[in-house]
Amino acid sequence: MKKNLTAGFATLMLLTACKKEGKITETNVSDSLQTGDSLTMQAKNDPNAFSVEPIAQQADVGKTIFTMAGKTIISFDTQGNTGTIKINGEEIPLNELTFSENNYDISGENIKITAYDGHFQEMTSDCNYGDFTNITITYNNHKVVLPNVKVQDCPSY
């Protein structure tokens, strides 16, 4: 399974933003690492790369959970309007989630997450389930694109 995960993530694209004049340069991700239960995406020889790591959150009523390779990477509590993502070992708070027409925009201080053109199934067990070809995370002027992300959105209405 480790070989399958490594091969699957070898195609990740990491976009690194240059601070000079706001230009964005593109860097290919050449490797991904799995250490125990930690799934980390990194670009080889890129000092500006950041890693997205799994968090200990599960789906529940009033939560929107994004997963990659079966591990939760983003959690957002729509009742409390708070969420979290773990970057470089630090949990980053999220405070806004907007959903419209198969798209999510999630943000917090110095972070923006976009998931567009999701493919959703019919609602089952009071939850919506969808798949995104990729999502983009911009954190402190650097971007990473994560492929094959799933969402479970369980509204509390």
Protein backbone atom coordinates (compact mmCIF):
# COMPACT_ATOMS: atom_id res chain seq x y z
CA MET A 1 0.00 0.00 0.00
CA LYS A 2 2.90 2.35 0.73
CA LYS A 3 4.08 2.00 -2.88
CA ASN A 4 0.58 2.80 -4.16
CA LEU A 5 0.36 5.94 -2.02
CA THR A 6 3.84 7.06 -3.04
CA ALA A 7 3.14 6.47 -6.72
CA GLY A 8 -0.21 8.24 -6.48
CA PHE A 9 1.21 11.35 -4.90
CA ALA A 10 4.25 11.52 -7.18
CA THR A 11 2.05 13.43 -9.62
CA LEU A 12 1.16 16.20 -7.17
CA MET A 13 1.78 19.76 -8.30
CA LEU A 14 3.12 22.35 -5.90
CA LEU A 15 2.83 26.00 -6.81
CA THR A 16 5.16 28.32 -4.99
CA ALA A 17 4.43 32.03 -4.93
CA CYS A 18 7.36 34.39 -5.15
CA LYS A 19 7.09 37.42 -2.93
CA LYS A 20 8.70 39.58 -5.63
CA GLU A 21 5.93 41.37 -7.53
CA GLY A 22 3.42 38.65 -6.57
CA LYS A 23 4.51 36.30 -9.35
CA ILE A 24 3.72 32.61 -9.02
CA THR A 25 6.19 29.99 -10.09
CA GLU A 26 5.42 26.32 -10.51
CA THR A 27 7.32 23.45 -8.95
CA ASN A 28 6.64 19.77 -9.57
CA VAL A 29 6.26 17.58 -6.54
CA SER A 30 8.69 14.75 -6.95
CA ASP A 31 8.01 12.71 -3.84
CA SER A 32 5.60 12.14 -1.01
CA LEU A 33 6.29 10.52 2.31
CA GLN A 34 4.19 8.37 4.58
CA THR A 35 5.50 8.21 8.12
CA GLY A 36 3.33 6.06 10.38
CA ASP A 37 -0.13 7.60 10.18
CA SER A 38 1.21 10.89 8.85
CA LEU A 39 0.73 11.65 5.19
CA THR A 40 2.98 14.51 4.11
CA MET A 41 3.22 16.14 0.70
CA GLN A 42 6.51 17.86 -0.02
CA ALA A 43 8.44 19.11 -3.02
CA LYS A 44 12.02 17.92 -3.28
CA ASN A 45 14.62 20.69 -2.96
CA ASP A 46 11.98 23.40 -2.51
CA PRO A 47 12.68 25.50 0.60
CA ASN A 48 9.25 27.18 0.32
CA ALA A 49 7.25 23.94 0.26
CA PHE A 50 4.73 23.27 3.00
CA SER A 51 3.23 19.99 4.07
CA VAL A 52 -0.41 19.17 4.75
CA GLU A 53 -0.84 16.55 7.45
CA PRO A 54 -3.81 14.51 8.69
CA ILE A 55 -5.84 15.72 11.66
CA ALA A 56 -7.80 13.75 14.24
CA GLN A 57 -11.34 14.72 13.21
CA GLN A 58 -14.28 12.59 12.14
CA ALA A 59 -17.53 13.31 10.36
CA ASP A 60 -20.52 14.35 12.45
CA VAL A 61 -23.72 16.36 12.09
CA GLY A 62 -22.79 19.98 11.49
CA LYS A 63 -19.33 19.19 10.11
CA THR A 64 -17.71 19.27 6.71
CA ILE A 65 -14.74 16.91 6.43
CA PHE A 66 -12.25 16.72 3.55
CA THR A 67 -10.19 13.54 3.21
CA MET A 68 -7.28 12.42 1.08
CA ALA A 69 -6.15 8.78 0.90
CA GLY A 70 -8.65 8.01 3.66
CA LYS A 71 -7.19 10.56 6.11
CA THR A 72 -8.92 13.75 7.26
CA ILE A 73 -6.99 16.82 6.12
CA ILE A 74 -9.59 19.58 6.68
CA SER A 75 -12.41 19.77 9.21
CA PHE A 76 -14.98 22.55 9.51
CA ASP A 77 -17.73 22.82 12.12
CA THR A 78 -20.52 24.72 10.37
CA GLN A 79 -22.44 25.25 13.64
CA GLY A 80 -19.52 27.00 15.37
CA ASN A 81 -18.11 28.43 12.13
CA THR A 82 -14.64 27.12 12.99
CA GLY A 83 -12.33 24.68 11.31
CA THR A 84 -8.79 23.41 11.15
CA ILE A 85 -6.07 22.18 8.81
CA LYS A 86 -2.59 21.03 9.83
CA ILE A 87 0.33 22.58 7.94
CA ASN A 88 3.98 21.92 8.81
CA GLY A 89 2.92 20.35 12.11
CA GLU A 90 0.83 23.35 13.21
CA GLU A 91 -2.97 23.39 13.33
CA ILE A 92 -4.16 26.42 11.40
CA PRO A 93 -7.61 27.78 12.38
CA LEU A 94 -10.25 28.35 9.72
CA ASN A 95 -13.17 30.73 10.24
CA GLU A 96 -15.21 30.88 7.03
CA LEU A 97 -16.78 28.28 4.75
CA THR A 98 -18.91 29.07 1.72
CA PHE A 99 -20.58 26.41 -0.42
CA SER A 100 -22.26 27.15 -3.75
CA GLU A 101 -22.93 25.02 -6.83
CA ASN A 102 -20.48 22.19 -6.07
CA ASN A 103 -17.75 24.60 -4.91
CA TYR A 104 -16.23 25.30 -1.49
CA ASP A 105 -14.27 28.35 -0.41
CA ILE A 106 -12.70 28.03 3.05
CA SER A 107 -10.48 30.61 4.70
CA GLY A 108 -8.72 31.83 7.81
CA GLU A 109 -5.86 34.20 8.55
CA ASN A 110 -3.25 33.87 5.75
CA ILE A 111 -4.97 30.78 4.30
CA LYS A 112 -7.46 30.16 1.52
CA ILE A 113 -8.71 26.76 0.37
CA THR A 114 -10.65 26.34 -2.86
CA ALA A 115 -12.40 23.21 -4.05
CA TYR A 116 -14.22 23.63 -7.36
CA ASP A 117 -16.37 21.46 -9.62
CA GLY A 118 -17.03 18.67 -7.15
CA HIS A 119 -18.92 15.60 -8.29
CA PHE A 120 -21.64 14.87 -5.73
CA GLN A 121 -23.81 11.83 -5.13
CA GLU A 122 -27.38 12.02 -3.91
CA MET A 123 -27.67 12.83 -0.22
CA THR A 124 -27.57 9.72 2.00
CA SER A 125 -27.94 9.45 5.77
CA ASP A 126 -28.30 13.25 6.03
CA CYS A 127 -24.87 13.83 4.45
CA ASN A 128 -23.62 14.94 1.05
CA TYR A 129 -20.65 13.06 -0.43
CA GLY A 130 -18.46 14.45 -3.18
CA ASP A 131 -15.15 14.08 -4.98
CA PHE A 132 -12.82 16.81 -6.20
CA THR A 133 -10.19 16.23 -8.86
CA ASN A 134 -8.04 18.63 -6.87
CA ILE A 135 -8.19 21.40 -4.29
CA THR A 136 -5.90 24.40 -3.96
CA ILE A 137 -4.50 25.59 -0.65
CA THR A 138 -2.83 29.00 -0.49
CA TYR A 139 -0.96 29.59 2.77
CA ASN A 140 1.37 32.55 3.41
CA ASN A 141 1.64 33.29 -0.34
CA HIS A 142 2.52 29.69 -1.29
CA LYS A 143 0.20 27.27 -3.08
CA VAL A 144 -0.17 23.52 -3.07
CA VAL A 145 -2.62 21.54 -5.19
CA LEU A 146 -3.87 18.29 -3.67
CA PRO A 147 -5.43 15.67 -5.98
CA ASN A 148 -8.31 13.27 -5.37
CA VAL A 149 -9.91 14.86 -2.33
CA LYS A 150 -13.25 13.66 -0.97
CA VAL A 151 -15.76 15.63 1.07
CA GLN A 152 -18.45 14.55 3.52
CA ASP A 153 -20.77 17.43 4.37
CA CYS A 154 -23.35 16.72 7.09
CA PRO A 155 -25.48 19.85 7.57
CA SER A 156 -27.38 20.43 10.81
CA TYR A 157 -30.73 21.69 9.59
